[in-house]
Amino acid sequence: MEQQQGNPRPPMPPENYGKRMWQLWGPILIKWGIEFLVSLLAMTALAMAYQLTDPAAFRAAMESQEAMFDLYDRLISSYLEAGTLIQGAASLVIIPVMWIFFHQDRVKERRLGIIPNKKAPVWKYAAVILMALALCLGLNNLINIGNLGASDEVYTETMNTLYSAALPVQIIALGILVPISEELVFRGLLFKRLRERGTFLQAALYSAVVFGLMHMNMVQMLYAFILGMMLAYVCEKYGSVKAPILAHMTMNLLSVAATYAGLMDWLMEDILRIGTVTVICAAVAASMFVFMQRIEEKPDIPGNNDQNGGKLAAV
């Protein structure tokens, strides 16, 4: 899945180092900036709400350091309780901004004469859903079998915060908005921009490492890196950012539903049960990978009769 055989990419215009770094990291920095501003607005709104509902506490905070710390703790607690809602609101702002950048990149590709990968037919997206379900459940089973979550307090606190919101908020924020915003940033922009100048493996590794590091705790870093490689792969094979968006939404919705239904607790009651499910997940994921390997992503080029052009290098 390296550079397309018989389809040499047009030479990219030279860019200075600073412009290149901004092209790669600009979307991530903008994403951080939007998240910071939304968080700041949320904290300000919470402070104003406390001031209106409990003015005595604010007056006491102005007079006593102990009361000030108590008010601060209450504000932080309320902010964390609303964390999933705030994350969803930030994603709602990020999506149109990143979509503009994504669209501009596609216009630039056409201007430079870059022929994009063929888009896979809709019916083949079923494989994306099945692979996403299998990898999500299988990897979470391994995390629970290895008791990795218990050894990482930050991971435990993050999960408790995310899943403390009301179920409709979790579905909309975690299941829909966050996957769309993250896929536009990490696969739609970062991966595709890296892919313009390098091999699939280079672009996938770089984008997956960055995607993992963004999650700020060891368990999620490893989990996100593995899934980041898969998301880059389906983006490449299906020729569309819709494939990783669908996969990411599927995984997050499964996580929300499984947590709400207590699926992990049920699986952990019997080591044979969770082991069997994990093996089945591995088999399904492997089968879907084999299926995807047969998808021909190489673009059709008029007049190209190279019989070796359809072969893919091993990833």
C-alpha atoms as a PDB file:
ATOM      1  CA  MET A   1       0.000   0.000   0.000  1.00  0.00           C
ATOM      2  CA  GLU A   2       2.894   2.282  -0.772  1.00  0.00           C
ATOM      3  CA  GLN A   3       2.957   4.925  -3.484  1.00  0.00           C
ATOM      4  CA  GLN A   4       0.576   3.869  -6.207  1.00  0.00           C
ATOM      5  CA  GLN A   5       2.339   1.853  -8.909  1.00  0.00           C
ATOM      6  CA  GLY A   6       2.015   3.378 -12.354  1.00  0.00           C
ATOM      7  CA  ASN A   7       0.488   6.516 -10.817  1.00  0.00           C
ATOM      8  CA  PRO A   8       3.399   8.764  -9.830  1.00  0.00           C
ATOM      9  CA  ARG A   9       2.183  11.656  -7.765  1.00  0.00           C
ATOM     10  CA  PRO A  10       2.795  15.096  -9.269  1.00  0.00           C
ATOM     11  CA  PRO A  11       5.781  16.857  -7.687  1.00  0.00           C
ATOM     12  CA  MET A  12       4.677  18.804  -4.627  1.00  0.00           C
ATOM     13  CA  PRO A  13       5.613  22.492  -4.554  1.00  0.00           C
ATOM     14  CA  PRO A  14       8.515  23.229  -2.176  1.00  0.00           C
ATOM     15  CA  GLU A  15       7.566  24.486   1.277  1.00  0.00           C
ATOM     16  CA  ASN A  16       9.682  25.911   4.061  1.00  0.00           C
ATOM     17  CA  TYR A  17       9.945  24.007   7.345  1.00  0.00           C
ATOM     18  CA  GLY A  18       7.753  26.405   9.305  1.00  0.00           C
ATOM     19  CA  LYS A  19       4.925  26.257   6.779  1.00  0.00           C
ATOM     20  CA  ARG A  20       5.142  22.476   6.678  1.00  0.00           C
ATOM     21  CA  MET A  21       4.947  22.205  10.484  1.00  0.00           C
ATOM     22  CA  TRP A  22       1.966  24.555  10.555  1.00  0.00           C
ATOM     23  CA  GLN A  23       0.253  22.491   7.871  1.00  0.00           C
ATOM     24  CA  LEU A  24       0.609  19.357  10.031  1.00  0.00           C
ATOM     25  CA  TRP A  25       0.099  20.783  13.510  1.00  0.00           C
ATOM     26  CA  GLY A  26      -2.119  23.773  12.726  1.00  0.00           C
ATOM     27  CA  PRO A  27      -5.403  21.800  12.813  1.00  0.00           C
ATOM     28  CA  ILE A  28      -4.448  20.215  16.149  1.00  0.00           C
ATOM     29  CA  LEU A  29      -3.502  23.590  17.656  1.00  0.00           C
ATOM     30  CA  ILE A  30      -6.767  25.090  16.395  1.00  0.00           C
ATOM     31  CA  LYS A  31      -8.647  22.138  17.895  1.00  0.00           C
ATOM     32  CA  TRP A  32      -6.930  22.747  21.241  1.00  0.00           C
ATOM     33  CA  GLY A  33      -7.710  26.475  21.022  1.00  0.00           C
ATOM     34  CA  ILE A  34     -11.397  25.839  20.408  1.00  0.00           C
ATOM     35  CA  GLU A  35     -11.553  23.317  23.270  1.00  0.00           C
ATOM     36  CA  PHE A  36      -9.836  25.823  25.594  1.00  0.00           C
ATOM     37  CA  LEU A  37     -12.210  28.645  24.665  1.00  0.00           C
ATOM     38  CA  VAL A  38     -15.296  26.441  25.064  1.00  0.00           C
ATOM     39  CA  SER A  39     -13.989  25.231  28.439  1.00  0.00           C
ATOM     40  CA  LEU A  40     -13.343  28.820  29.519  1.00  0.00           C
ATOM     41  CA  LEU A  41     -16.847  29.860  28.509  1.00  0.00           C
ATOM     42  CA  ALA A  42     -18.309  26.857  30.343  1.00  0.00           C
ATOM     43  CA  MET A  43     -16.391  27.675  33.534  1.00  0.00           C
ATOM     44  CA  THR A  44     -17.467  31.324  33.291  1.00  0.00           C
ATOM     45  CA  ALA A  45     -21.097  30.279  32.835  1.00  0.00           C
ATOM     46  CA  LEU A  46     -20.895  27.975  35.854  1.00  0.00           C
ATOM     47  CA  ALA A  47     -19.361  30.748  37.973  1.00  0.00           C
ATOM     48  CA  MET A  48     -22.126  33.155  36.953  1.00  0.00           C
ATOM     49  CA  ALA A  49     -24.760  30.517  37.725  1.00  0.00           C
ATOM     50  CA  TYR A  50     -23.313  30.009  41.217  1.00  0.00           C
ATOM     51  CA  GLN A  51     -23.197  33.754  41.756  1.00  0.00           C
ATOM     52  CA  LEU A  52     -26.882  34.050  40.890  1.00  0.00           C
ATOM     53  CA  THR A  53     -28.057  30.996  42.828  1.00  0.00           C
ATOM     54  CA  ASP A  54     -25.782  31.341  45.867  1.00  0.00           C
ATOM     55  CA  PRO A  55     -24.580  34.953  46.215  1.00  0.00           C
ATOM     56  CA  ALA A  56     -23.737  34.379  49.886  1.00  0.00           C
ATOM     57  CA  ALA A  57     -21.071  31.843  48.914  1.00  0.00           C
ATOM     58  CA  PHE A  58     -19.466  34.384  46.583  1.00  0.00           C
ATOM     59  CA  ARG A  59     -19.447  37.083  49.260  1.00  0.00           C
ATOM     60  CA  ALA A  60     -17.883  34.616  51.707  1.00  0.00           C
ATOM     61  CA  ALA A  61     -15.252  33.672  49.112  1.00  0.00           C
ATOM     62  CA  MET A  62     -14.225  37.324  48.863  1.00  0.00           C
ATOM     63  CA  GLU A  63     -13.674  37.463  52.611  1.00  0.00           C
ATOM     64  CA  SER A  64     -12.202  34.040  53.414  1.00  0.00           C
ATOM     65  CA  GLN A  65      -9.517  32.010  51.681  1.00  0.00           C
ATOM     66  CA  GLU A  66     -11.074  28.794  52.977  1.00  0.00           C
ATOM     67  CA  ALA A  67     -14.462  29.757  51.503  1.00  0.00           C
ATOM     68  CA  MET A  68     -12.756  30.640  48.229  1.00  0.00           C
ATOM     69  CA  PHE A  69     -11.140  27.185  48.012  1.00  0.00           C
ATOM     70  CA  ASP A  70     -14.486  25.582  48.847  1.00  0.00           C
ATOM     71  CA  LEU A  71     -16.210  27.527  46.058  1.00  0.00           C
ATOM     72  CA  TYR A  72     -13.418  26.609  43.662  1.00  0.00           C
ATOM     73  CA  ASP A  73     -13.846  22.906  44.484  1.00  0.00           C
ATOM     74  CA  ARG A  74     -17.573  23.177  43.858  1.00  0.00           C
ATOM     75  CA  LEU A  75     -16.975  24.853  40.491  1.00  0.00           C
ATOM     76  CA  ILE A  76     -14.448  22.203  39.427  1.00  0.00           C
ATOM     77  CA  SER A  77     -16.808  19.428  40.501  1.00  0.00           C
ATOM     78  CA  SER A  78     -19.649  20.930  38.445  1.00  0.00           C
ATOM     79  CA  TYR A  79     -17.312  21.422  35.489  1.00  0.00           C
ATOM     80  CA  LEU A  80     -16.233  17.769  35.566  1.00  0.00           C
ATOM     81  CA  GLU A  81     -19.845  16.609  35.805  1.00  0.00           C
ATOM     82  CA  ALA A  82     -20.564  18.595  32.642  1.00  0.00           C
ATOM     83  CA  GLY A  83     -17.332  17.411  30.969  1.00  0.00           C
ATOM     84  CA  THR A  84     -19.002  15.238  28.330  1.00  0.00           C
ATOM     85  CA  LEU A  85     -21.477  17.983  27.418  1.00  0.00           C
ATOM     86  CA  ILE A  86     -18.631  20.525  27.171  1.00  0.00           C
ATOM     87  CA  GLN A  87     -16.619  18.136  24.997  1.00  0.00           C
ATOM     88  CA  GLY A  88     -19.604  17.702  22.711  1.00  0.00           C
ATOM     89  CA  ALA A  89     -20.091  21.478  22.468  1.00  0.00           C
ATOM     90  CA  ALA A  90     -16.415  21.934  21.546  1.00  0.00           C
ATOM     91  CA  SER A  91     -16.703  19.242  18.869  1.00  0.00           C
ATOM     92  CA  LEU A  92     -19.772  20.988  17.445  1.00  0.00           C
ATOM     93  CA  VAL A  93     -17.593  24.067  16.871  1.00  0.00           C
ATOM     94  CA  ILE A  94     -14.569  22.098  15.638  1.00  0.00           C
ATOM     95  CA  ILE A  95     -16.454  20.140  12.947  1.00  0.00           C
ATOM     96  CA  PRO A  96     -17.328  23.043  10.572  1.00  0.00           C
ATOM     97  CA  VAL A  97     -13.879  24.610  11.004  1.00  0.00           C
ATOM     98  CA  MET A  98     -12.071  21.373  10.145  1.00  0.00           C
ATOM     99  CA  TRP A  99     -14.494  20.642   7.306  1.00  0.00           C
ATOM    100  CA  ILE A 100     -13.462  23.937   5.669  1.00  0.00           C
ATOM    101  CA  PHE A 101      -9.781  22.924   5.882  1.00  0.00           C
ATOM    102  CA  PHE A 102     -10.632  19.444   4.577  1.00  0.00           C
ATOM    103  CA  HIS A 103     -12.511  20.878   1.604  1.00  0.00           C
ATOM    104  CA  GLN A 104      -9.638  23.272   0.834  1.00  0.00           C
ATOM    105  CA  ASP A 105      -7.217  20.317   0.781  1.00  0.00           C
ATOM    106  CA  ARG A 106      -9.378  18.471  -1.750  1.00  0.00           C
ATOM    107  CA  VAL A 107      -9.487  21.582  -3.969  1.00  0.00           C
ATOM    108  CA  LYS A 108      -5.700  21.831  -3.712  1.00  0.00           C
ATOM    109  CA  GLU A 109      -5.358  18.157  -4.727  1.00  0.00           C
ATOM    110  CA  ARG A 110      -7.399  18.730  -7.863  1.00  0.00           C
ATOM    111  CA  ARG A 111      -5.370  21.814  -8.709  1.00  0.00           C
ATOM    112  CA  LEU A 112      -2.108  19.864  -8.372  1.00  0.00           C
ATOM    113  CA  GLY A 113      -3.441  16.981 -10.453  1.00  0.00           C
ATOM    114  CA  ILE A 114      -3.413  14.422  -7.619  1.00  0.00           C
ATOM    115  CA  ILE A 115      -5.789  11.553  -8.392  1.00  0.00           C
ATOM    116  CA  PRO A 116      -7.469  10.355  -5.156  1.00  0.00           C
ATOM    117  CA  ASN A 117      -8.022   6.717  -4.291  1.00  0.00           C
ATOM    118  CA  LYS A 118     -11.193   5.107  -5.579  1.00  0.00           C
ATOM    119  CA  LYS A 119     -14.140   5.214  -3.215  1.00  0.00           C
ATOM    120  CA  ALA A 120     -15.357   1.787  -2.116  1.00  0.00           C
ATOM    121  CA  PRO A 121     -19.042   0.963  -2.726  1.00  0.00           C
ATOM    122  CA  VAL A 122     -21.462   1.542   0.130  1.00  0.00           C
ATOM    123  CA  TRP A 123     -22.161  -2.155   0.770  1.00  0.00           C
ATOM    124  CA  LYS A 124     -18.511  -2.748   1.661  1.00  0.00           C
ATOM    125  CA  TYR A 125     -18.863  -0.385   4.623  1.00  0.00           C
ATOM    126  CA  ALA A 126     -20.422  -3.279   6.532  1.00  0.00           C
ATOM    127  CA  ALA A 127     -16.858  -4.605   6.931  1.00  0.00           C
ATOM    128  CA  VAL A 128     -15.857  -1.305   8.562  1.00  0.00           C
ATOM    129  CA  ILE A 129     -18.638  -1.666  11.135  1.00  0.00           C
ATOM    130  CA  LEU A 130     -17.803  -5.297  11.897  1.00  0.00           C
ATOM    131  CA  MET A 131     -14.066  -4.602  12.246  1.00  0.00           C
ATOM    132  CA  ALA A 132     -14.721  -1.603  14.489  1.00  0.00           C
ATOM    133  CA  LEU A 133     -17.063  -3.600  16.741  1.00  0.00           C
ATOM    134  CA  ALA A 134     -14.625  -6.523  16.972  1.00  0.00           C
ATOM    135  CA  LEU A 135     -11.555  -4.402  17.712  1.00  0.00           C
ATOM    136  CA  CYS A 136     -13.330  -2.189  20.232  1.00  0.00           C
ATOM    137  CA  LEU A 137     -14.775  -5.091  22.223  1.00  0.00           C
ATOM    138  CA  GLY A 138     -11.690  -7.279  21.883  1.00  0.00           C
ATOM    139  CA  LEU A 139      -9.238  -4.579  23.002  1.00  0.00           C
ATOM    140  CA  ASN A 140     -11.457  -3.566  25.919  1.00  0.00           C
ATOM    141  CA  ASN A 141     -11.599  -7.224  26.951  1.00  0.00           C
ATOM    142  CA  LEU A 142      -7.796  -7.373  26.941  1.00  0.00           C
ATOM    143  CA  ILE A 143      -7.640  -4.184  29.033  1.00  0.00           C
ATOM    144  CA  ASN A 144      -9.984  -5.752  31.583  1.00  0.00           C
ATOM    145  CA  ILE A 145      -8.272  -9.164  31.561  1.00  0.00           C
ATOM    146  CA  GLY A 146      -4.920  -7.467  32.159  1.00  0.00           C
ATOM    147  CA  ASN A 147      -6.471  -5.183  34.792  1.00  0.00           C
ATOM    148  CA  LEU A 148      -4.743  -2.259  33.072  1.00  0.00           C
ATOM    149  CA  GLY A 149      -7.446   0.240  33.953  1.00  0.00           C
ATOM    150  CA  ALA A 150      -7.027  -0.310  37.693  1.00  0.00           C
ATOM    151  CA  SER A 151      -3.325   0.556  37.456  1.00  0.00           C
ATOM    152  CA  ASP A 152      -3.965   3.920  35.803  1.00  0.00           C
ATOM    153  CA  GLU A 153      -5.845   6.379  38.010  1.00  0.00           C
ATOM    154  CA  VAL A 154      -6.050   9.018  35.276  1.00  0.00           C
ATOM    155  CA  TYR A 155      -7.712   6.509  32.943  1.00  0.00           C
ATOM    156  CA  THR A 156     -10.227   5.523  35.643  1.00  0.00           C
ATOM    157  CA  GLU A 157     -11.069   9.162  36.421  1.00  0.00           C
ATOM    158  CA  THR A 158     -11.430   9.956  32.715  1.00  0.00           C
ATOM    159  CA  MET A 159     -13.824   7.068  32.149  1.00  0.00           C
ATOM    160  CA  ASN A 160     -15.878   7.966  35.225  1.00  0.00           C
ATOM    161  CA  THR A 161     -16.173  11.559  34.009  1.00  0.00           C
ATOM    162  CA  LEU A 162     -17.123  10.638  30.434  1.00  0.00           C
ATOM    163  CA  TYR A 163     -19.792   8.129  31.449  1.00  0.00           C
ATOM    164  CA  SER A 164     -21.307  10.199  34.266  1.00  0.00           C
ATOM    165  CA  ALA A 165     -23.383  12.252  31.816  1.00  0.00           C
ATOM    166  CA  ALA A 166     -26.946  11.382  30.870  1.00  0.00           C
ATOM    167  CA  LEU A 167     -27.221   8.646  28.244  1.00  0.00           C
ATOM    168  CA  PRO A 168     -28.583  10.945  25.464  1.00  0.00           C
ATOM    169  CA  VAL A 169     -25.648  13.309  26.050  1.00  0.00           C
ATOM    170  CA  GLN A 170     -23.198  10.409  25.825  1.00  0.00           C
ATOM    171  CA  ILE A 171     -24.764   9.179  22.580  1.00  0.00           C
ATOM    172  CA  ILE A 172     -24.724  12.591  20.892  1.00  0.00           C
ATOM    173  CA  ALA A 173     -21.385  13.861  22.254  1.00  0.00           C
ATOM    174  CA  LEU A 174     -19.249  10.722  22.530  1.00  0.00           C
ATOM    175  CA  GLY A 175     -20.991   8.645  19.888  1.00  0.00           C
ATOM    176  CA  ILE A 176     -21.444  11.222  17.117  1.00  0.00           C
ATOM    177  CA  LEU A 177     -19.829  14.643  17.553  1.00  0.00           C
ATOM    178  CA  VAL A 178     -16.436  13.644  19.001  1.00  0.00           C
ATOM    179  CA  PRO A 179     -15.749  10.930  16.371  1.00  0.00           C
ATOM    180  CA  ILE A 180     -16.556  13.293  13.500  1.00  0.00           C
ATOM    181  CA  SER A 181     -14.347  16.097  14.855  1.00  0.00           C
ATOM    182  CA  GLU A 182     -11.418  13.801  15.684  1.00  0.00           C
ATOM    183  CA  GLU A 183     -11.516  11.991  12.341  1.00  0.00           C
ATOM    184  CA  LEU A 184     -11.558  15.244  10.404  1.00  0.00           C
ATOM    185  CA  VAL A 185      -8.449  16.350  12.337  1.00  0.00           C
ATOM    186  CA  PHE A 186      -6.413  13.140  12.540  1.00  0.00           C
ATOM    187  CA  ARG A 187      -7.366  11.228   9.386  1.00  0.00           C
ATOM    188  CA  GLY A 188      -8.995  13.867   7.177  1.00  0.00           C
ATOM    189  CA  LEU A 189      -6.185  16.404   7.657  1.00  0.00           C
ATOM    190  CA  LEU A 190      -3.110  15.026   9.443  1.00  0.00           C
ATOM    191  CA  PHE A 191      -3.005  11.559   7.834  1.00  0.00           C
ATOM    192  CA  LYS A 192      -3.968  12.755   4.356  1.00  0.00           C
ATOM    193  CA  ARG A 193      -1.447  15.613   4.417  1.00  0.00           C
ATOM    194  CA  LEU A 194       1.309  13.223   5.474  1.00  0.00           C
ATOM    195  CA  ARG A 195       0.200  10.772   2.800  1.00  0.00           C
ATOM    196  CA  GLU A 196       0.701  13.386   0.083  1.00  0.00           C
ATOM    197  CA  ARG A 197       4.458  13.234   0.596  1.00  0.00           C
ATOM    198  CA  GLY A 198       5.119   9.799   2.064  1.00  0.00           C
ATOM    199  CA  THR A 199       4.129   6.164   2.225  1.00  0.00           C
ATOM    200  CA  PHE A 200       1.023   4.820   3.884  1.00  0.00           C
ATOM    201  CA  LEU A 201       3.006   3.316   6.760  1.00  0.00           C
ATOM    202  CA  GLN A 202       4.801   6.574   7.530  1.00  0.00           C
ATOM    203  CA  ALA A 203       1.572   8.578   7.489  1.00  0.00           C
ATOM    204  CA  ALA A 204      -0.366   5.988   9.503  1.00  0.00           C
ATOM    205  CA  LEU A 205       2.310   5.646  12.203  1.00  0.00           C
ATOM    206  CA  TYR A 206       2.778   9.400  12.619  1.00  0.00           C
ATOM    207  CA  SER A 207      -0.954  10.148  12.802  1.00  0.00           C
ATOM    208  CA  ALA A 208      -1.639   7.174  15.118  1.00  0.00           C
ATOM    209  CA  VAL A 209       1.152   8.181  17.528  1.00  0.00           C
ATOM    210  CA  VAL A 210      -0.151  11.758  17.704  1.00  0.00           C
ATOM    211  CA  PHE A 211      -3.722  10.484  18.107  1.00  0.00           C
ATOM    212  CA  GLY A 212      -2.604   8.262  20.986  1.00  0.00           C
ATOM    213  CA  LEU A 213      -0.629  10.989  22.750  1.00  0.00           C
ATOM    214  CA  MET A 214      -3.660  13.298  22.689  1.00  0.00           C
ATOM    215  CA  HIS A 215      -5.465  11.012  25.151  1.00  0.00           C
ATOM    216  CA  MET A 216      -3.106  11.804  28.046  1.00  0.00           C
ATOM    217  CA  ASN A 217      -3.100   8.464  29.900  1.00  0.00           C
ATOM    218  CA  MET A 218      -1.204   5.243  29.185  1.00  0.00           C
ATOM    219  CA  VAL A 219      -4.192   2.931  28.682  1.00  0.00           C
ATOM    220  CA  GLN A 220      -5.978   5.225  26.238  1.00  0.00           C
ATOM    221  CA  MET A 221      -2.698   6.074  24.498  1.00  0.00           C
ATOM    222  CA  LEU A 222      -2.070   2.425  23.647  1.00  0.00           C
ATOM    223  CA  TYR A 223      -5.735   1.824  22.778  1.00  0.00           C
ATOM    224  CA  ALA A 224      -5.917   4.929  20.573  1.00  0.00           C
ATOM    225  CA  PHE A 225      -2.625   4.103  18.809  1.00  0.00           C
ATOM    226  CA  ILE A 226      -3.847   0.643  17.765  1.00  0.00           C
ATOM    227  CA  LEU A 227      -7.214   1.971  16.654  1.00  0.00           C
ATOM    228  CA  GLY A 228      -5.512   4.935  14.968  1.00  0.00           C
ATOM    229  CA  MET A 229      -3.628   2.518  12.713  1.00  0.00           C
ATOM    230  CA  MET A 230      -6.890   0.776  11.827  1.00  0.00           C
ATOM    231  CA  LEU A 231      -8.647   4.088  11.149  1.00  0.00           C
ATOM    232  CA  ALA A 232      -5.841   5.205   8.836  1.00  0.00           C
ATOM    233  CA  TYR A 233      -6.047   1.862   7.037  1.00  0.00           C
ATOM    234  CA  VAL A 234      -9.782   2.094   6.332  1.00  0.00           C
ATOM    235  CA  CYS A 235      -9.347   5.723   5.270  1.00  0.00           C
ATOM    236  CA  GLU A 236      -6.765   4.580   2.702  1.00  0.00           C
ATOM    237  CA  LYS A 237      -8.639   1.519   1.476  1.00  0.00           C
ATOM    238  CA  TYR A 238     -12.072   3.126   1.224  1.00  0.00           C
ATOM    239  CA  GLY A 239     -10.806   6.365  -0.303  1.00  0.00           C
ATOM    240  CA  SER A 240     -12.959   8.495   1.983  1.00  0.00           C
ATOM    241  CA  VAL A 241     -12.850  10.016   5.459  1.00  0.00           C
ATOM    242  CA  LYS A 242     -16.395   8.687   5.877  1.00  0.00           C
ATOM    243  CA  ALA A 243     -14.960   5.215   6.561  1.00  0.00           C
ATOM    244  CA  PRO A 244     -12.916   6.156   9.667  1.00  0.00           C
ATOM    245  CA  ILE A 245     -15.751   8.405  10.869  1.00  0.00           C
ATOM    246  CA  LEU A 246     -18.167   5.467  10.652  1.00  0.00           C
ATOM    247  CA  ALA A 247     -15.675   3.150  12.400  1.00  0.00           C
ATOM    248  CA  HIS A 248     -14.994   5.675  15.183  1.00  0.00           C
ATOM    249  CA  MET A 249     -18.697   6.322  15.735  1.00  0.00           C
ATOM    250  CA  THR A 250     -19.352   2.568  15.858  1.00  0.00           C
ATOM    251  CA  MET A 251     -16.653   2.017  18.498  1.00  0.00           C
ATOM    252  CA  ASN A 252     -17.757   4.908  20.690  1.00  0.00           C
ATOM    253  CA  LEU A 253     -21.432   3.978  20.487  1.00  0.00           C
ATOM    254  CA  LEU A 254     -20.554   0.396  21.425  1.00  0.00           C
ATOM    255  CA  SER A 255     -18.532   1.665  24.394  1.00  0.00           C
ATOM    256  CA  VAL A 256     -21.432   3.838  25.558  1.00  0.00           C
ATOM    257  CA  ALA A 257     -23.994   1.035  25.139  1.00  0.00           C
ATOM    258  CA  ALA A 258     -21.760  -1.615  26.747  1.00  0.00           C
ATOM    259  CA  THR A 259     -21.010   0.618  29.735  1.00  0.00           C
ATOM    260  CA  TYR A 260     -24.677   1.485  30.208  1.00  0.00           C
ATOM    261  CA  ALA A 261     -25.721  -2.189  29.967  1.00  0.00           C
ATOM    262  CA  GLY A 262     -22.893  -3.443  32.205  1.00  0.00           C
ATOM    263  CA  LEU A 263     -21.547  -5.726  29.470  1.00  0.00           C
ATOM    264  CA  MET A 264     -17.975  -5.698  30.791  1.00  0.00           C
ATOM    265  CA  ASP A 265     -19.070  -6.695  34.279  1.00  0.00           C
ATOM    266  CA  TRP A 266     -21.026  -9.604  32.799  1.00  0.00           C
ATOM    267  CA  LEU A 267     -18.080 -10.745  30.677  1.00  0.00           C
ATOM    268  CA  MET A 268     -15.655 -10.536  33.597  1.00  0.00           C
ATOM    269  CA  GLU A 269     -17.820 -12.833  35.713  1.00  0.00           C
ATOM    270  CA  ASP A 270     -16.429 -15.824  33.783  1.00  0.00           C
ATOM    271  CA  ILE A 271     -12.875 -15.910  32.394  1.00  0.00           C
ATOM    272  CA  LEU A 272     -13.923 -18.538  29.835  1.00  0.00           C
ATOM    273  CA  ARG A 273     -16.748 -16.287  28.654  1.00  0.00           C
ATOM    274  CA  ILE A 274     -14.579 -13.205  28.162  1.00  0.00           C
ATOM    275  CA  GLY A 275     -11.796 -15.299  26.651  1.00  0.00           C
ATOM    276  CA  THR A 276     -14.152 -16.874  24.106  1.00  0.00           C
ATOM    277  CA  VAL A 277     -15.627 -13.495  23.131  1.00  0.00           C
ATOM    278  CA  THR A 278     -12.122 -12.058  22.732  1.00  0.00           C
ATOM    279  CA  VAL A 279     -11.060 -14.902  20.417  1.00  0.00           C
ATOM    280  CA  ILE A 280     -14.235 -14.423  18.349  1.00  0.00           C
ATOM    281  CA  CYS A 281     -13.495 -10.686  18.115  1.00  0.00           C
ATOM    282  CA  ALA A 282      -9.967 -11.429  16.892  1.00  0.00           C
ATOM    283  CA  ALA A 283     -11.317 -13.827  14.250  1.00  0.00           C
ATOM    284  CA  VAL A 284     -13.906 -11.314  13.021  1.00  0.00           C
ATOM    285  CA  ALA A 285     -11.354  -8.475  12.868  1.00  0.00           C
ATOM    286  CA  ALA A 286      -8.893 -10.675  10.959  1.00  0.00           C
ATOM    287  CA  SER A 287     -11.600 -11.769   8.501  1.00  0.00           C
ATOM    288  CA  MET A 288     -12.609  -8.170   7.841  1.00  0.00           C
ATOM    289  CA  PHE A 289      -8.959  -7.215   7.327  1.00  0.00           C
ATOM    290  CA  VAL A 290      -8.604  -9.957   4.690  1.00  0.00           C
ATOM    291  CA  PHE A 291     -11.788  -8.705   3.030  1.00  0.00           C
ATOM    292  CA  MET A 292     -10.497  -5.118   2.986  1.00  0.00           C
ATOM    293  CA  GLN A 293      -7.179  -6.237   1.510  1.00  0.00           C
ATOM    294  CA  ARG A 294      -9.106  -7.195  -1.624  1.00  0.00           C
ATOM    295  CA  ILE A 295     -10.540  -3.712  -2.050  1.00  0.00           C
ATOM    296  CA  GLU A 296      -8.753  -2.057  -4.966  1.00  0.00           C
ATOM    297  CA  GLU A 297      -8.080   1.501  -3.894  1.00  0.00           C
ATOM    298  CA  LYS A 298      -5.776   2.391  -6.801  1.00  0.00           C
ATOM    299  CA  PRO A 299      -7.406   5.088  -8.951  1.00  0.00           C
ATOM    300  CA  ASP A 300      -8.333   4.304 -12.538  1.00  0.00           C
ATOM    301  CA  ILE A 301      -5.985   6.115 -14.903  1.00  0.00           C
ATOM    302  CA  PRO A 302      -6.991   6.306 -18.577  1.00  0.00           C
ATOM    303  CA  GLY A 303      -4.410   4.625 -20.778  1.00  0.00           C
ATOM    304  CA  ASN A 304      -2.688   2.802 -17.898  1.00  0.00           C
ATOM    305  CA  ASN A 305      -2.300  -0.863 -18.897  1.00  0.00           C
ATOM    306  CA  ASP A 306       0.375  -1.790 -16.393  1.00  0.00           C
ATOM    307  CA  GLN A 307      -0.552  -5.324 -15.360  1.00  0.00           C
ATOM    308  CA  ASN A 308       1.400  -5.013 -12.107  1.00  0.00           C
ATOM    309  CA  GLY A 309      -0.323  -1.785 -11.122  1.00  0.00           C
ATOM    310  CA  GLY A 310      -3.050  -3.484  -9.117  1.00  0.00           C
ATOM    311  CA  LYS A 311      -0.697  -5.270  -6.753  1.00  0.00           C
ATOM    312  CA  LEU A 312      -0.320  -3.882  -3.239  1.00  0.00           C
ATOM    313  CA  ALA A 313       2.724  -3.956  -1.064  1.00  0.00           C
ATOM    314  CA  ALA A 314       2.269  -5.602   2.304  1.00  0.00           C
ATOM    315  CA  VAL A 315       1.616  -3.243   5.199  1.00  0.00           C
END
